[in-house]
Amino acid sequence: MIAIVNYGLGNLGSIENMLKRMGIPAYIANTPADLGKATKIILPGVGAFDTGMRHLKNHAWIDPLSERVMIKKMPVLGICLGMQLMTHASEEGVEPGLGWVDAVTIKFPSSVGRVPHMGWNVAHIAKDSRLLTDEGIENRFYFVHSYFVKLNKSSDELLNTVYSVPFTSGFETNNILGVQFHPEKSHRFGMKLLSNFATRY
């Protein structure tokens, strides 16, 4: 059963509806106590890094989530801001991140031109993963972001994308996965990724 964490930011309904259309059991966890029946977690997010971390802290999510992810090794998928919150810190703010992944979140350089990076783009596969299905076709996803994750360990990179400059668009380290794009807005590509998360982990 997948718990979609409701800490006040994110496209919760869109993710839940896509999973249910695919016949995947999922529910929105509105409080930390709701995590009790979860076997996997999705941490969504739209908005600013500091706002996200303060919402997690003020609603007492951090310790219950960290216990499940870091101690019980429950599979977790961060989406967009949710991916960034898993890092140590962000150039967007001053709050410390969850620190589940050895990485920081940085802003696109001014040389890229238009920010945010918004629209469809290709995510290139950097390593084999149960999350991905390499069918000899492009993996195209929908992005909306001005910041991206900079990994300290290149071996954690799962996907990369180019928007004037190359950046990490997905990571995987043990049970912890993150994607910068929105699978719930990415049609068949996003559906396949979410299906793989639900059935292969």
C-alpha atoms as a PDB file:
ATOM      1  CA  MET A   1       0.000   0.000   0.000  1.00  0.00           C
ATOM      2  CA  ILE A   2       1.485   3.333  -1.086  1.00  0.00           C
ATOM      3  CA  ALA A   3       1.114   6.316   1.242  1.00  0.00           C
ATOM      4  CA  ILE A   4       1.193   9.728  -0.462  1.00  0.00           C
ATOM      5  CA  VAL A   5       2.403  12.200   2.157  1.00  0.00           C
ATOM      6  CA  ASN A   6       0.196  15.256   2.604  1.00  0.00           C
ATOM      7  CA  TYR A   7       2.359  17.876   4.287  1.00  0.00           C
ATOM      8  CA  GLY A   8       0.568  20.749   2.582  1.00  0.00           C
ATOM      9  CA  LEU A   9       2.362  20.904  -0.786  1.00  0.00           C
ATOM     10  CA  GLY A  10       1.962  18.766  -3.886  1.00  0.00           C
ATOM     11  CA  ASN A  11      -0.349  17.270  -6.490  1.00  0.00           C
ATOM     12  CA  LEU A  12      -1.747  14.648  -4.155  1.00  0.00           C
ATOM     13  CA  GLY A  13      -5.013  14.023  -5.956  1.00  0.00           C
ATOM     14  CA  SER A  14      -3.365  13.682  -9.354  1.00  0.00           C
ATOM     15  CA  ILE A  15      -0.928  11.074  -8.068  1.00  0.00           C
ATOM     16  CA  GLU A  16      -3.589   9.138  -6.179  1.00  0.00           C
ATOM     17  CA  ASN A  17      -5.952   9.148  -9.163  1.00  0.00           C
ATOM     18  CA  MET A  18      -3.269   7.912 -11.565  1.00  0.00           C
ATOM     19  CA  LEU A  19      -2.335   5.055  -9.223  1.00  0.00           C
ATOM     20  CA  LYS A  20      -5.964   4.048  -8.702  1.00  0.00           C
ATOM     21  CA  ARG A  21      -6.628   4.084 -12.453  1.00  0.00           C
ATOM     22  CA  MET A  22      -3.819   1.540 -12.758  1.00  0.00           C
ATOM     23  CA  GLY A  23      -5.318  -0.595  -9.968  1.00  0.00           C
ATOM     24  CA  ILE A  24      -2.513   0.212  -7.526  1.00  0.00           C
ATOM     25  CA  PRO A  25      -3.583   0.516  -3.862  1.00  0.00           C
ATOM     26  CA  ALA A  26      -2.742   4.003  -2.609  1.00  0.00           C
ATOM     27  CA  TYR A  27      -4.038   6.547  -0.125  1.00  0.00           C
ATOM     28  CA  ILE A  28      -3.255  10.052   1.082  1.00  0.00           C
ATOM     29  CA  ALA A  29      -1.593  10.127   4.505  1.00  0.00           C
ATOM     30  CA  ASN A  30      -2.792  13.330   6.183  1.00  0.00           C
ATOM     31  CA  THR A  31      -0.975  12.775   9.482  1.00  0.00           C
ATOM     32  CA  PRO A  32       2.112  10.788  10.523  1.00  0.00           C
ATOM     33  CA  ALA A  33      -0.187   8.280  12.231  1.00  0.00           C
ATOM     34  CA  ASP A  34      -1.617   7.434   8.801  1.00  0.00           C
ATOM     35  CA  LEU A  35       1.711   5.879   7.791  1.00  0.00           C
ATOM     36  CA  GLY A  36       0.905   2.778   9.829  1.00  0.00           C
ATOM     37  CA  LYS A  37      -0.442   0.739   6.905  1.00  0.00           C
ATOM     38  CA  ALA A  38       2.116   1.932   4.357  1.00  0.00           C
ATOM     39  CA  THR A  39       4.575  -0.389   2.644  1.00  0.00           C
ATOM     40  CA  LYS A  40       5.899   2.328   0.310  1.00  0.00           C
ATOM     41  CA  ILE A  41       5.911   6.120   0.453  1.00  0.00           C
ATOM     42  CA  ILE A  42       5.615   8.883  -2.131  1.00  0.00           C
ATOM     43  CA  LEU A  43       6.851  12.320  -1.040  1.00  0.00           C
ATOM     44  CA  PRO A  44       5.446  14.835  -3.546  1.00  0.00           C
ATOM     45  CA  GLY A  45       5.964  18.573  -3.583  1.00  0.00           C
ATOM     46  CA  VAL A  46       5.492  21.838  -5.423  1.00  0.00           C
ATOM     47  CA  GLY A  47       6.911  25.129  -4.168  1.00  0.00           C
ATOM     48  CA  ALA A  48       9.863  26.451  -2.190  1.00  0.00           C
ATOM     49  CA  PHE A  49      12.393  24.329  -0.292  1.00  0.00           C
ATOM     50  CA  ASP A  50      12.137  26.177   3.041  1.00  0.00           C
ATOM     51  CA  THR A  51       8.342  26.107   2.936  1.00  0.00           C
ATOM     52  CA  GLY A  52       8.426  22.366   2.349  1.00  0.00           C
ATOM     53  CA  MET A  53      10.834  21.680   5.216  1.00  0.00           C
ATOM     54  CA  ARG A  54       8.899  23.915   7.609  1.00  0.00           C
ATOM     55  CA  HIS A  55       5.656  22.157   6.756  1.00  0.00           C
ATOM     56  CA  LEU A  56       7.297  18.775   7.411  1.00  0.00           C
ATOM     57  CA  LYS A  57       8.738  20.017  10.708  1.00  0.00           C
ATOM     58  CA  ASN A  58       5.631  21.859  11.928  1.00  0.00           C
ATOM     59  CA  HIS A  59       3.390  18.857  11.268  1.00  0.00           C
ATOM     60  CA  ALA A  60       5.798  16.377  12.905  1.00  0.00           C
ATOM     61  CA  TRP A  61       6.556  14.391   9.758  1.00  0.00           C
ATOM     62  CA  ILE A  62      10.362  14.323   9.857  1.00  0.00           C
ATOM     63  CA  ASP A  63      11.035  11.689  12.528  1.00  0.00           C
ATOM     64  CA  PRO A  64       8.318   9.201  11.427  1.00  0.00           C
ATOM     65  CA  LEU A  65       9.402   9.475   7.797  1.00  0.00           C
ATOM     66  CA  SER A  66      13.114   9.174   8.602  1.00  0.00           C
ATOM     67  CA  GLU A  67      12.473   6.115  10.778  1.00  0.00           C
ATOM     68  CA  ARG A  68      10.688   4.319   7.958  1.00  0.00           C
ATOM     69  CA  VAL A  69      13.111   5.362   5.242  1.00  0.00           C
ATOM     70  CA  MET A  70      16.472   5.247   7.003  1.00  0.00           C
ATOM     71  CA  ILE A  71      15.925   2.522   9.619  1.00  0.00           C
ATOM     72  CA  LYS A  72      13.166   0.286   8.248  1.00  0.00           C
ATOM     73  CA  LYS A  73      14.403   0.837   4.656  1.00  0.00           C
ATOM     74  CA  MET A  74      10.908   1.373   3.283  1.00  0.00           C
ATOM     75  CA  PRO A  75      10.938   2.296  -0.434  1.00  0.00           C
ATOM     76  CA  VAL A  76      10.309   6.004  -0.954  1.00  0.00           C
ATOM     77  CA  LEU A  77       9.884   8.049  -4.128  1.00  0.00           C
ATOM     78  CA  GLY A  78      10.374  11.813  -4.024  1.00  0.00           C
ATOM     79  CA  ILE A  79       8.729  13.848  -6.779  1.00  0.00           C
ATOM     80  CA  CYS A  80       9.941  17.330  -7.812  1.00  0.00           C
ATOM     81  CA  LEU A  81      10.285  19.313  -4.555  1.00  0.00           C
ATOM     82  CA  GLY A  82       9.976  16.016  -2.690  1.00  0.00           C
ATOM     83  CA  MET A  83      13.177  14.862  -4.392  1.00  0.00           C
ATOM     84  CA  GLN A  84      14.975  18.071  -3.419  1.00  0.00           C
ATOM     85  CA  LEU A  85      13.855  17.842   0.217  1.00  0.00           C
ATOM     86  CA  MET A  86      15.767  14.548   0.491  1.00  0.00           C
ATOM     87  CA  THR A  87      19.096  16.389   0.061  1.00  0.00           C
ATOM     88  CA  HIS A  88      21.175  18.114   2.753  1.00  0.00           C
ATOM     89  CA  ALA A  89      20.294  21.701   1.824  1.00  0.00           C
ATOM     90  CA  SER A  90      19.221  24.020  -0.988  1.00  0.00           C
ATOM     91  CA  GLU A  91      20.477  27.284  -2.422  1.00  0.00           C
ATOM     92  CA  GLU A  92      16.826  28.320  -2.409  1.00  0.00           C
ATOM     93  CA  GLY A  93      16.706  28.674   1.379  1.00  0.00           C
ATOM     94  CA  VAL A  94      18.324  28.217   4.772  1.00  0.00           C
ATOM     95  CA  GLU A  95      16.492  25.251   6.258  1.00  0.00           C
ATOM     96  CA  PRO A  96      18.368  21.932   6.490  1.00  0.00           C
ATOM     97  CA  GLY A  97      16.975  19.179   4.283  1.00  0.00           C
ATOM     98  CA  LEU A  98      16.112  15.630   5.287  1.00  0.00           C
ATOM     99  CA  GLY A  99      19.644  14.497   4.421  1.00  0.00           C
ATOM    100  CA  TRP A 100      18.613  11.069   3.149  1.00  0.00           C
ATOM    101  CA  VAL A 101      20.771  11.455   0.026  1.00  0.00           C
ATOM    102  CA  ASP A 102      24.334  12.770  -0.170  1.00  0.00           C
ATOM    103  CA  ALA A 103      23.499  15.795  -2.303  1.00  0.00           C
ATOM    104  CA  VAL A 104      22.524  19.450  -2.304  1.00  0.00           C
ATOM    105  CA  THR A 105      19.991  21.374  -4.349  1.00  0.00           C
ATOM    106  CA  ILE A 106      21.276  24.209  -6.528  1.00  0.00           C
ATOM    107  CA  LYS A 107      19.830  26.797  -8.893  1.00  0.00           C
ATOM    108  CA  PHE A 108      20.161  26.657 -12.653  1.00  0.00           C
ATOM    109  CA  PRO A 109      22.998  28.974 -13.768  1.00  0.00           C
ATOM    110  CA  SER A 110      21.977  32.227 -15.448  1.00  0.00           C
ATOM    111  CA  SER A 111      23.501  30.940 -18.687  1.00  0.00           C
ATOM    112  CA  VAL A 112      20.572  28.561 -19.285  1.00  0.00           C
ATOM    113  CA  GLY A 113      18.276  31.418 -20.198  1.00  0.00           C
ATOM    114  CA  ARG A 114      14.636  30.930 -19.304  1.00  0.00           C
ATOM    115  CA  VAL A 115      13.957  29.616 -15.807  1.00  0.00           C
ATOM    116  CA  PRO A 116      11.970  27.688 -14.690  1.00  0.00           C
ATOM    117  CA  HIS A 117      12.673  24.723 -16.905  1.00  0.00           C
ATOM    118  CA  MET A 118       9.095  23.939 -17.873  1.00  0.00           C
ATOM    119  CA  GLY A 119       7.664  21.419 -20.324  1.00  0.00           C
ATOM    120  CA  TRP A 120       8.545  18.043 -21.789  1.00  0.00           C
ATOM    121  CA  ASN A 121      12.123  16.791 -21.895  1.00  0.00           C
ATOM    122  CA  VAL A 122      14.015  13.522 -22.238  1.00  0.00           C
ATOM    123  CA  ALA A 123      15.422  11.698 -19.209  1.00  0.00           C
ATOM    124  CA  HIS A 124      18.425   9.575 -20.207  1.00  0.00           C
ATOM    125  CA  ILE A 125      19.049   6.386 -18.256  1.00  0.00           C
ATOM    126  CA  ALA A 126      22.325   6.471 -16.308  1.00  0.00           C
ATOM    127  CA  LYS A 127      22.140   3.020 -14.702  1.00  0.00           C
ATOM    128  CA  ASP A 128      19.963  -0.068 -14.533  1.00  0.00           C
ATOM    129  CA  SER A 129      17.053   0.114 -12.150  1.00  0.00           C
ATOM    130  CA  ARG A 130      13.818  -1.654 -11.332  1.00  0.00           C
ATOM    131  CA  LEU A 131      12.165   1.768 -11.612  1.00  0.00           C
ATOM    132  CA  LEU A 132      12.858   1.973 -15.321  1.00  0.00           C
ATOM    133  CA  THR A 133      11.950  -0.024 -18.385  1.00  0.00           C
ATOM    134  CA  ASP A 134      14.372   0.354 -21.280  1.00  0.00           C
ATOM    135  CA  GLU A 135      12.266  -0.441 -24.319  1.00  0.00           C
ATOM    136  CA  GLY A 136      14.470   1.336 -26.817  1.00  0.00           C
ATOM    137  CA  ILE A 137      12.303   4.444 -26.665  1.00  0.00           C
ATOM    138  CA  GLU A 138      12.837   7.895 -25.223  1.00  0.00           C
ATOM    139  CA  ASN A 139      11.659   8.427 -21.670  1.00  0.00           C
ATOM    140  CA  ARG A 140       9.921  11.805 -21.863  1.00  0.00           C
ATOM    141  CA  PHE A 141       8.589  13.537 -18.785  1.00  0.00           C
ATOM    142  CA  TYR A 142       7.023  16.838 -17.780  1.00  0.00           C
ATOM    143  CA  PHE A 143       9.235  19.237 -15.785  1.00  0.00           C
ATOM    144  CA  VAL A 144       8.577  22.442 -13.841  1.00  0.00           C
ATOM    145  CA  HIS A 145      11.547  23.571 -11.708  1.00  0.00           C
ATOM    146  CA  SER A 146      14.183  26.259 -11.174  1.00  0.00           C
ATOM    147  CA  TYR A 147      16.500  24.183  -8.943  1.00  0.00           C
ATOM    148  CA  PHE A 148      17.995  20.730  -9.351  1.00  0.00           C
ATOM    149  CA  VAL A 149      19.862  18.125  -7.306  1.00  0.00           C
ATOM    150  CA  LYS A 150      23.661  17.994  -7.382  1.00  0.00           C
ATOM    151  CA  LEU A 151      24.824  14.570  -6.219  1.00  0.00           C
ATOM    152  CA  ASN A 152      28.082  14.013  -4.362  1.00  0.00           C
ATOM    153  CA  LYS A 153      28.180  10.379  -5.527  1.00  0.00           C
ATOM    154  CA  SER A 154      27.858   9.908  -9.273  1.00  0.00           C
ATOM    155  CA  SER A 155      26.845   6.283  -8.667  1.00  0.00           C
ATOM    156  CA  ASP A 156      23.541   7.541  -7.219  1.00  0.00           C
ATOM    157  CA  GLU A 157      22.497   9.085 -10.539  1.00  0.00           C
ATOM    158  CA  LEU A 158      19.636   7.221 -12.173  1.00  0.00           C
ATOM    159  CA  LEU A 159      18.528   9.696 -14.859  1.00  0.00           C
ATOM    160  CA  ASN A 160      19.991  12.813 -16.420  1.00  0.00           C
ATOM    161  CA  THR A 161      18.521  15.528 -18.604  1.00  0.00           C
ATOM    162  CA  VAL A 162      19.892  18.479 -20.552  1.00  0.00           C
ATOM    163  CA  TYR A 163      18.431  21.963 -20.285  1.00  0.00           C
ATOM    164  CA  SER A 164      21.331  23.975 -21.721  1.00  0.00           C
ATOM    165  CA  VAL A 165      23.358  22.249 -18.997  1.00  0.00           C
ATOM    166  CA  PRO A 166      23.149  18.582 -17.936  1.00  0.00           C
ATOM    167  CA  PHE A 167      21.516  17.887 -14.587  1.00  0.00           C
ATOM    168  CA  THR A 168      20.408  14.909 -12.535  1.00  0.00           C
ATOM    169  CA  SER A 169      16.725  14.246 -13.150  1.00  0.00           C
ATOM    170  CA  GLY A 170      16.536  11.073 -11.086  1.00  0.00           C
ATOM    171  CA  PHE A 171      18.516   9.306  -8.374  1.00  0.00           C
ATOM    172  CA  GLU A 172      18.431   5.953  -6.633  1.00  0.00           C
ATOM    173  CA  THR A 173      20.388   4.895  -3.586  1.00  0.00           C
ATOM    174  CA  ASN A 174      19.190   1.695  -1.927  1.00  0.00           C
ATOM    175  CA  ASN A 175      15.491   2.216  -1.045  1.00  0.00           C
ATOM    176  CA  ILE A 176      15.544   5.966  -1.751  1.00  0.00           C
ATOM    177  CA  LEU A 177      14.463   7.236  -5.163  1.00  0.00           C
ATOM    178  CA  GLY A 178      13.772  10.700  -6.486  1.00  0.00           C
ATOM    179  CA  VAL A 179      12.664  12.219  -9.779  1.00  0.00           C
ATOM    180  CA  GLN A 180      12.727  15.898 -10.690  1.00  0.00           C
ATOM    181  CA  PHE A 181       9.828  15.655 -13.126  1.00  0.00           C
ATOM    182  CA  HIS A 182       6.134  14.999 -12.525  1.00  0.00           C
ATOM    183  CA  PRO A 183       5.225  11.407 -13.445  1.00  0.00           C
ATOM    184  CA  GLU A 184       1.565  12.163 -12.703  1.00  0.00           C
ATOM    185  CA  LYS A 185       1.630  14.663 -15.600  1.00  0.00           C
ATOM    186  CA  SER A 186       3.740  12.527 -17.942  1.00  0.00           C
ATOM    187  CA  HIS A 187       1.127  10.219 -19.472  1.00  0.00           C
ATOM    188  CA  ARG A 188       2.302   6.703 -20.361  1.00  0.00           C
ATOM    189  CA  PHE A 189       5.917   7.350 -19.358  1.00  0.00           C
ATOM    190  CA  GLY A 190       4.874   8.473 -15.907  1.00  0.00           C
ATOM    191  CA  MET A 191       2.354   5.671 -15.545  1.00  0.00           C
ATOM    192  CA  LYS A 192       5.024   3.079 -16.302  1.00  0.00           C
ATOM    193  CA  LEU A 193       7.438   4.595 -13.794  1.00  0.00           C
ATOM    194  CA  LEU A 194       4.828   4.671 -11.019  1.00  0.00           C
ATOM    195  CA  SER A 195       3.757   1.128 -11.884  1.00  0.00           C
ATOM    196  CA  ASN A 196       7.366  -0.043 -11.600  1.00  0.00           C
ATOM    197  CA  PHE A 197       7.723   1.644  -8.208  1.00  0.00           C
ATOM    198  CA  ALA A 198       4.534   0.004  -6.987  1.00  0.00           C
ATOM    199  CA  THR A 199       5.244  -3.509  -8.234  1.00  0.00           C
ATOM    200  CA  ARG A 200       9.023  -3.916  -8.208  1.00  0.00           C
ATOM    201  CA  TYR A 201      10.019  -2.562  -4.791  1.00  0.00           C
END
